[in-house]
Protein backbone atom coordinates (compact mmCIF):
# COMPACT_ATOMS: atom_id res chain seq x y z
CA UNK A 1 -66.20 48.70 -6.42
CA UNK A 2 -67.00 45.47 -4.71
CA UNK A 3 -65.54 43.54 -7.62
CA UNK A 4 -62.31 45.48 -7.34
CA UNK A 5 -62.12 44.71 -3.59
CA UNK A 6 -62.64 41.01 -4.20
CA UNK A 7 -59.94 41.03 -6.87
CA UNK A 8 -57.45 42.75 -4.54
CA UNK A 9 -58.32 40.36 -1.74
CA UNK A 10 -57.75 37.37 -4.01
CA UNK A 11 -54.40 38.75 -5.22
CA UNK A 12 -53.30 39.43 -1.63
CA UNK A 13 -54.04 35.83 -0.67
CA UNK A 14 -52.06 34.59 -3.65
CA UNK A 15 -49.15 36.85 -2.74
CA UNK A 16 -49.11 35.49 0.81
CA UNK A 17 -48.95 31.94 -0.54
CA UNK A 18 -46.16 32.86 -2.95
CA UNK A 19 -44.22 34.63 -0.22
CA UNK A 20 -44.59 31.61 2.04
CA UNK A 21 -43.37 29.27 -0.69
CA UNK A 22 -40.46 31.55 -1.53
CA UNK A 23 -39.54 31.93 2.13
CA UNK A 24 -39.55 28.17 2.59
CA UNK A 25 -37.39 27.75 -0.50
CA UNK A 26 -34.96 30.42 0.72
CA UNK A 27 -34.73 28.77 4.14
CA UNK A 28 -34.15 25.43 2.43
CA UNK A 29 -31.32 26.86 0.33
CA UNK A 30 -29.85 28.57 3.38
CA UNK A 31 -30.05 25.29 5.30
CA UNK A 32 -28.34 23.54 2.41
CA UNK A 33 -25.48 26.04 2.43
CA UNK A 34 -25.11 26.51 6.18
CA UNK A 35 -25.93 23.09 7.62
CA UNK A 36 -24.49 20.90 4.88
CA UNK A 37 -21.32 22.99 4.92
CA UNK A 38 -21.15 22.64 8.69
CA UNK A 39 -21.60 18.87 8.48
CA UNK A 40 -18.91 18.56 5.80
CA UNK A 41 -16.45 20.67 7.78
CA UNK A 42 -17.09 18.65 10.94
CA UNK A 43 -16.70 15.33 9.13
CA UNK A 44 -13.44 16.45 7.48
CA UNK A 45 -12.05 17.47 10.85
CA UNK A 46 -13.10 14.15 12.38
CA UNK A 47 -11.55 12.15 9.52
CA UNK A 48 -8.28 14.07 9.75
CA UNK A 49 -8.19 13.55 13.50
CA UNK A 50 -8.86 9.81 13.11
CA UNK A 51 -6.07 9.54 10.50
CA UNK A 52 -3.60 11.37 12.73
CA UNK A 53 -4.54 9.30 15.78
CA UNK A 54 -4.25 6.00 13.91
CA UNK A 55 -0.85 6.90 12.46
CA UNK A 56 0.43 8.05 15.86
CA UNK A 57 -0.77 4.83 17.46
CA UNK A 58 0.74 2.66 14.72
CA UNK A 59 4.15 4.24 15.29
CA UNK A 60 4.14 2.65 18.77
CA UNK A 61 3.28 -0.88 17.66
CA UNK A 62 3.78 -3.64 18.65
CA UNK A 63 3.49 -1.91 22.06
CA UNK A 64 -0.31 -2.03 22.30
CA UNK A 65 -0.55 0.08 25.47
CA UNK A 66 1.70 2.74 23.98
CA UNK A 67 -0.27 2.65 20.71
CA UNK A 68 -3.56 3.17 22.55
CA UNK A 69 -2.20 6.09 24.59
CA UNK A 70 -0.65 7.79 21.55
CA UNK A 71 -3.86 7.44 19.56
CA UNK A 72 -5.91 8.98 22.38
CA UNK A 73 -3.46 11.86 22.83
CA UNK A 74 -3.47 12.74 19.13
CA UNK A 75 -7.26 12.42 18.88
CA UNK A 76 -7.79 14.82 21.80
CA UNK A 77 -5.17 17.21 20.44
CA UNK A 78 -7.08 17.31 17.15
CA UNK A 79 -10.42 18.28 18.62
CA UNK A 80 -12.06 14.96 19.48
CA UNK A 81 -13.39 14.07 22.92
CA UNK A 82 -12.74 10.86 24.81
CA UNK A 83 -16.44 9.92 24.81
CA UNK A 84 -16.43 10.12 21.01
CA UNK A 85 -13.60 7.62 20.58
CA UNK A 86 -13.37 3.87 20.04
CA UNK A 87 -9.86 2.44 19.61
CA UNK A 88 -9.21 -1.17 18.68
CA UNK A 89 -5.67 -2.50 19.01
CA UNK A 90 -4.79 -4.99 17.73
CA UNK A 91 -7.24 -4.68 14.83
CA UNK A 92 -8.77 -7.88 13.47
CA UNK A 93 -6.21 -9.86 15.46
CA UNK A 94 -3.29 -8.30 13.56
CA UNK A 95 -0.63 -7.08 15.98
CA UNK A 96 0.64 -4.58 13.38
CA UNK A 97 -2.67 -2.72 13.03
CA UNK A 98 -4.79 -0.24 14.97
CA UNK A 99 -8.29 1.11 14.26
CA UNK A 100 -9.60 4.49 15.43
CA UNK A 101 -13.35 5.20 15.27
CA UNK A 102 -15.06 8.43 16.26
CA UNK A 103 -18.65 9.64 16.26
CA UNK A 104 -20.26 13.02 16.86
CA UNK A 105 -23.84 14.32 16.65
CA UNK A 106 -24.10 17.65 14.83
CA UNK A 107 -27.12 19.89 15.47
CA UNK A 108 -28.55 21.70 12.46
CA UNK A 109 -29.02 25.48 12.59
CA UNK A 110 -31.67 26.14 9.93
CA UNK A 111 -32.76 22.66 8.83
CA UNK A 112 -35.07 22.19 11.91
CA UNK A 113 -37.50 24.50 10.12
CA UNK A 114 -37.77 21.77 7.49
CA UNK A 115 -38.09 19.03 10.08
CA UNK A 116 -34.43 17.94 10.34
CA UNK A 117 -32.86 18.29 13.78
CA UNK A 118 -29.38 16.76 13.64
CA UNK A 119 -27.12 14.15 12.09
CA UNK A 120 -24.79 11.53 13.56
CA UNK A 121 -21.38 11.57 11.89
CA UNK A 122 -18.86 8.74 12.06
CA UNK A 123 -15.28 8.49 10.82
CA UNK A 124 -12.65 5.78 11.05
CA UNK A 125 -9.08 5.07 10.10
CA UNK A 126 -6.93 1.95 10.20
CA UNK A 127 -3.14 2.19 10.24
CA UNK A 128 -0.42 -0.40 10.36
CA UNK A 129 3.24 -0.38 11.26
CA UNK A 130 5.25 -2.22 8.68
CA UNK A 131 6.66 -2.00 5.23
CA UNK A 132 5.62 0.03 2.24
CA UNK A 133 2.65 -1.20 0.26
CA UNK A 134 4.91 -2.43 -2.55
CA UNK A 135 5.91 -5.37 -0.37
CA UNK A 136 2.31 -6.59 -0.34
CA UNK A 137 2.81 -7.76 -3.93
CA UNK A 138 4.48 -10.90 -5.25
CA UNK A 139 5.51 -9.07 -8.44
CA UNK A 140 5.77 -5.28 -8.70
CA UNK A 141 6.95 -2.88 -11.42
CA UNK A 142 7.22 0.74 -10.29
CA UNK A 143 7.98 2.55 -13.58
CA UNK A 144 5.24 4.75 -15.03
CA UNK A 145 6.65 4.48 -18.55
CA UNK A 146 8.08 0.97 -18.92
CA UNK A 147 5.69 -1.92 -19.57
CA UNK A 148 5.81 -4.93 -17.27
CA UNK A 149 6.88 -7.59 -19.78
CA UNK A 150 6.55 -11.30 -19.11
CA UNK A 151 7.33 -13.82 -21.81
CA UNK A 152 8.48 -17.41 -21.98
CA UNK A 153 6.61 -20.52 -21.01
CA UNK A 154 4.90 -21.24 -17.72
CA UNK A 155 4.66 -18.50 -15.10
CA UNK A 156 2.97 -19.22 -11.77
CA UNK A 157 2.42 -16.45 -9.21
CA UNK A 158 0.91 -16.90 -5.78
CA UNK A 159 -0.06 -13.41 -4.67
CA UNK A 160 -0.93 -10.09 -6.32
CA UNK A 161 0.81 -8.28 -9.18
CA UNK A 162 1.00 -4.51 -9.76
CA UNK A 163 2.46 -2.25 -12.43
CA UNK A 164 2.37 1.55 -12.58
CA UNK A 165 2.27 1.24 -16.37
CA UNK A 166 0.94 -1.38 -18.81
CA UNK A 167 1.31 -5.14 -18.46
CA UNK A 168 2.07 -7.44 -21.37
CA UNK A 169 2.04 -11.22 -21.01
CA UNK A 170 3.12 -13.39 -23.94
CA UNK A 171 3.99 -17.05 -24.17
CA UNK A 172 2.02 -19.88 -22.63
CA UNK A 173 0.59 -21.02 -19.30
CA UNK A 174 0.34 -17.96 -17.05
CA UNK A 175 -1.35 -18.42 -13.68
CA UNK A 176 -1.90 -15.62 -11.13
CA UNK A 177 -4.02 -16.61 -8.18
CA UNK A 178 -4.36 -13.01 -6.94
CA UNK A 179 -5.16 -9.72 -8.67
CA UNK A 180 -3.28 -8.28 -11.65
CA UNK A 181 -3.35 -4.48 -11.25
CA UNK A 182 -2.19 -2.03 -13.92
CA UNK A 183 -2.44 1.74 -14.07
CA UNK A 184 -2.63 1.30 -17.82
CA UNK A 185 -3.83 -1.61 -19.93
CA UNK A 186 -3.34 -5.34 -19.59
CA UNK A 187 -2.50 -7.40 -22.65
CA UNK A 188 -2.49 -11.16 -22.21
CA UNK A 189 -1.88 -12.89 -25.52
CA UNK A 190 -0.81 -16.10 -23.84
CA UNK A 191 -2.47 -19.43 -24.33
CA UNK A 192 -3.85 -21.13 -21.24
CA UNK A 193 -3.71 -18.08 -19.01
CA UNK A 194 -5.58 -18.11 -15.72
CA UNK A 195 -5.63 -14.74 -13.93
CA UNK A 196 -7.94 -14.52 -10.96
CA UNK A 197 -8.74 -10.79 -11.35
CA UNK A 198 -7.63 -8.11 -13.82
CA UNK A 199 -7.82 -4.46 -12.72
CA UNK A 200 -7.03 -1.74 -15.27
CA UNK A 201 -6.78 1.92 -14.24
CA UNK A 202 -5.41 0.94 -10.81
CA UNK A 203 -4.05 3.72 -8.56
CA UNK A 204 -0.37 4.61 -8.50
CA UNK A 205 1.75 2.90 -5.86
CA UNK A 206 5.04 4.60 -4.99
CA UNK A 207 8.30 2.70 -4.62
CA UNK A 208 10.44 3.82 -1.67
CA UNK A 209 14.08 4.51 -2.53
CA UNK A 210 16.30 4.83 0.52
CA UNK A 211 19.40 6.97 0.54
CA UNK A 212 22.55 4.84 0.26
CA UNK A 213 24.41 6.96 2.82
CA UNK A 214 21.61 6.38 5.34
CA UNK A 215 21.64 2.66 4.61
CA UNK A 216 25.41 2.54 5.04
CA UNK A 217 25.22 4.36 8.37
CA UNK A 218 22.60 1.89 9.59
CA UNK A 219 24.61 -1.16 8.49
CA UNK A 220 25.87 -3.71 10.99
CA UNK A 221 28.56 -4.75 8.51
CA UNK A 222 30.25 -2.84 5.65
CA UNK A 223 32.27 -4.58 2.92
CA UNK A 224 34.35 -2.63 0.41
CA UNK A 225 34.58 -3.96 -3.14
CA UNK A 226 32.74 -6.65 -5.11
CA UNK A 227 31.68 -9.70 -3.11
CA UNK A 228 31.21 -13.26 -4.40
CA UNK A 229 29.35 -15.69 -2.13
CA UNK A 230 29.82 -19.10 -3.70
CA UNK A 231 28.31 -21.71 -1.43
CA UNK A 232 28.68 -21.66 2.35
CA UNK A 233 26.68 -19.74 4.93
CA UNK A 234 26.07 -16.00 4.84
CA UNK A 235 25.25 -14.83 8.37
CA UNK A 236 22.94 -11.84 8.68
CA UNK A 237 21.92 -9.75 11.65
CA UNK A 238 20.69 -6.45 10.27
CA UNK A 239 22.16 -4.76 7.20
CA UNK A 240 25.18 -6.00 5.26
CA UNK A 241 26.28 -3.07 3.08
CA UNK A 242 28.51 -3.81 0.06
CA UNK A 243 30.19 -1.01 -1.85
CA UNK A 244 30.23 -2.78 -5.18
CA UNK A 245 28.53 -5.76 -6.85
CA UNK A 246 27.32 -8.94 -5.17
CA UNK A 247 27.27 -12.41 -6.73
CA UNK A 248 25.39 -15.27 -5.08
CA UNK A 249 25.60 -18.91 -6.06
CA UNK A 250 24.40 -21.72 -3.84
CA UNK A 251 24.60 -19.75 -0.59
CA UNK A 252 22.71 -20.38 2.64
CA UNK A 253 21.26 -17.36 4.45
CA UNK A 254 21.30 -17.62 8.23
CA UNK A 255 19.51 -14.93 10.26
CA UNK A 256 17.31 -11.99 9.29
CA UNK A 257 18.54 -8.94 7.44
CA UNK A 258 19.28 -7.15 4.19
CA UNK A 259 22.16 -7.44 1.74
CA UNK A 260 22.62 -4.09 0.02
CA UNK A 261 24.84 -3.62 -3.02
CA UNK A 262 25.57 -0.20 -4.45
CA UNK A 263 26.01 -1.92 -7.82
CA UNK A 264 24.46 -5.07 -9.31
CA UNK A 265 23.28 -8.24 -7.61
CA UNK A 266 23.72 -11.38 -9.70
CA UNK A 267 22.18 -14.71 -8.75
CA UNK A 268 23.05 -17.87 -10.63
CA UNK A 269 23.58 -21.58 -10.17
CA UNK A 270 21.47 -23.00 -7.38
CA UNK A 271 20.67 -19.52 -6.05
CA UNK A 272 20.20 -18.85 -2.34
CA UNK A 273 18.16 -20.52 0.36
CA UNK A 274 17.48 -20.23 4.07
CA UNK A 275 19.41 -22.29 6.57
CA UNK A 276 16.35 -22.50 8.84
CA UNK A 277 12.63 -21.79 8.54
CA UNK A 278 12.97 -18.64 10.68
CA UNK A 279 15.48 -16.90 8.38
CA UNK A 280 14.58 -13.95 6.10
CA UNK A 281 16.51 -11.80 3.65
CA UNK A 282 16.00 -8.79 1.38
CA UNK A 283 18.42 -8.29 -1.54
CA UNK A 284 18.59 -4.55 -2.30
CA UNK A 285 20.43 -3.44 -5.44
CA UNK A 286 21.37 0.14 -6.20
CA UNK A 287 21.63 -0.91 -9.81
CA UNK A 288 20.27 -4.11 -11.42
CA UNK A 289 19.35 -7.58 -10.22
CA UNK A 290 20.10 -10.33 -12.74
CA UNK A 291 19.04 -13.97 -12.43
CA UNK A 292 20.50 -16.49 -14.85
CA UNK A 293 21.23 -20.18 -15.15
CA UNK A 294 18.84 -23.06 -14.56
CA UNK A 295 17.13 -24.65 -11.57
CA UNK A 296 17.59 -21.47 -9.54
CA UNK A 297 15.90 -21.37 -6.13
CA UNK A 298 15.72 -18.03 -4.31
CA UNK A 299 14.44 -17.39 -0.80
CA UNK A 300 13.92 -13.70 -0.10
CA UNK A 301 12.87 -10.31 -1.45
CA UNK A 302 14.47 -9.07 -4.69
CA UNK A 303 14.40 -5.27 -4.59
CA UNK A 304 15.75 -2.87 -7.24
CA UNK A 305 13.69 0.32 -6.79
CA UNK A 306 15.80 2.48 -9.13
CA UNK A 307 16.60 -0.01 -11.87
CA UNK A 308 15.52 -3.29 -13.40
CA UNK A 309 15.20 -6.90 -12.40
CA UNK A 310 15.91 -9.32 -15.21
CA UNK A 311 14.96 -12.96 -14.98
CA UNK A 312 16.37 -15.02 -17.84
CA UNK A 313 16.84 -18.32 -16.04
CA UNK A 314 15.01 -21.59 -16.50
CA UNK A 315 13.14 -23.41 -13.74
CA UNK A 316 13.30 -20.52 -11.26
CA UNK A 317 11.45 -20.32 -7.97
CA UNK A 318 11.32 -17.18 -5.82
CA UNK A 319 9.83 -17.47 -2.34
CA UNK A 320 9.48 -13.83 -1.33
CA UNK A 321 8.79 -11.09 -3.89
CA UNK A 322 10.17 -9.51 -7.08
CA UNK A 323 10.04 -5.70 -6.87
CA UNK A 324 11.79 -3.41 -9.31
CA UNK A 325 11.39 -0.16 -11.18
CA UNK A 326 11.42 -2.24 -14.35
CA UNK A 327 10.81 -5.99 -14.43
CA UNK A 328 11.69 -8.14 -17.45
CA UNK A 329 10.90 -11.84 -17.25
CA UNK A 330 11.72 -13.97 -20.26
CA UNK A 331 12.86 -17.23 -18.74
CA UNK A 332 10.82 -20.42 -18.61
CA UNK A 333 9.07 -22.22 -15.77
CA UNK A 334 9.14 -19.35 -13.28
CA UNK A 335 7.31 -19.50 -9.96
CA UNK A 336 6.91 -16.59 -7.53
CA UNK A 337 5.42 -17.32 -4.11
CA UNK A 338 4.75 -14.24 -2.00
CA UNK A 339 6.23 -14.79 1.47
CA UNK A 340 5.23 -12.38 4.22
CA UNK A 341 7.99 -13.67 6.49
CA UNK A 342 10.62 -12.52 3.99
CA UNK A 343 9.11 -9.03 4.06
CA UNK A 344 10.18 -8.73 7.70
CA UNK A 345 13.79 -8.49 6.49
CA UNK A 346 13.15 -5.13 4.77
CA UNK A 347 15.27 -2.62 6.71
CA UNK A 348 12.97 0.37 7.22
CA UNK A 349 9.41 0.25 8.44
CA UNK A 350 6.89 3.04 9.00
CA UNK A 351 3.27 3.68 9.89
CA UNK A 352 0.83 3.94 7.01
CA UNK A 353 -2.91 4.17 6.57
CA UNK A 354 -4.51 1.08 5.08
CA UNK A 355 -8.20 1.98 5.45
């Protein structure tokens, strides 16, 4: 009888230990579900609020006071408190950028049983007011099906290159001092190629295509029919809208603005250049942009978001950017120098998140 009692007593002690272990495990799993879920939900809300506040602030730039006020208003409207906010405008000395930081301490509900009391959460967002990301590149091909093809001898690019498809470089002497990004694969069968960084599997970057009717309504000058600018000065102050093709040969651009053609833009001869160092131009083609001839010098952004840019000239220098849905480069001795000042001529700007 005594032996039976001792056995039962031993089993009861074991059961208590097992129940304790199981209870601790159950509390741990409950804490994982309840507290981790609560932390994730809180962080997501904070991140969304920071994004919204940064975008709202960026819309007001370069008015720093207005940007700060808008960011605070949107942060408070999205559940943050003033004491949780830190807003930096300008951000890193850039007048186009604003940073929103927020922090909040979240108390655990069940995790204190396991010795965890709370967690400090932080979220941040950086937004800028400016042009689409495509204008950050010296050379950009937006098509998801057409390969970015570069052939011929001697290509020098100062800046980054991006394609939403594959990239194929043939010929000789290719130098890219920035990154070469491709959603697909990069094939460089050139001799003497020097590419600073190759990134395959890069994320997709969209190409903005603006409605021609909206561009026409925003124009400061509308010209009907094909236009041929052969030498002389082309004065710009905003948008020059051409219903037809545009041909440029040896023209000087004076002012800041965009030349928009519903058809093709053709550049030949000595190309186009700025009259002064403060000038900037964007050439926007509804159809194709074609560059031919020799010793062609181009100041400005070449932009054909719905069609192709074809460079078949020799000894060509572009100080700006080459951005098209499809880009075909088979000339010789081509140089592209990314120019941020030229980007300022792009007609429509918007706020966008950059971090």
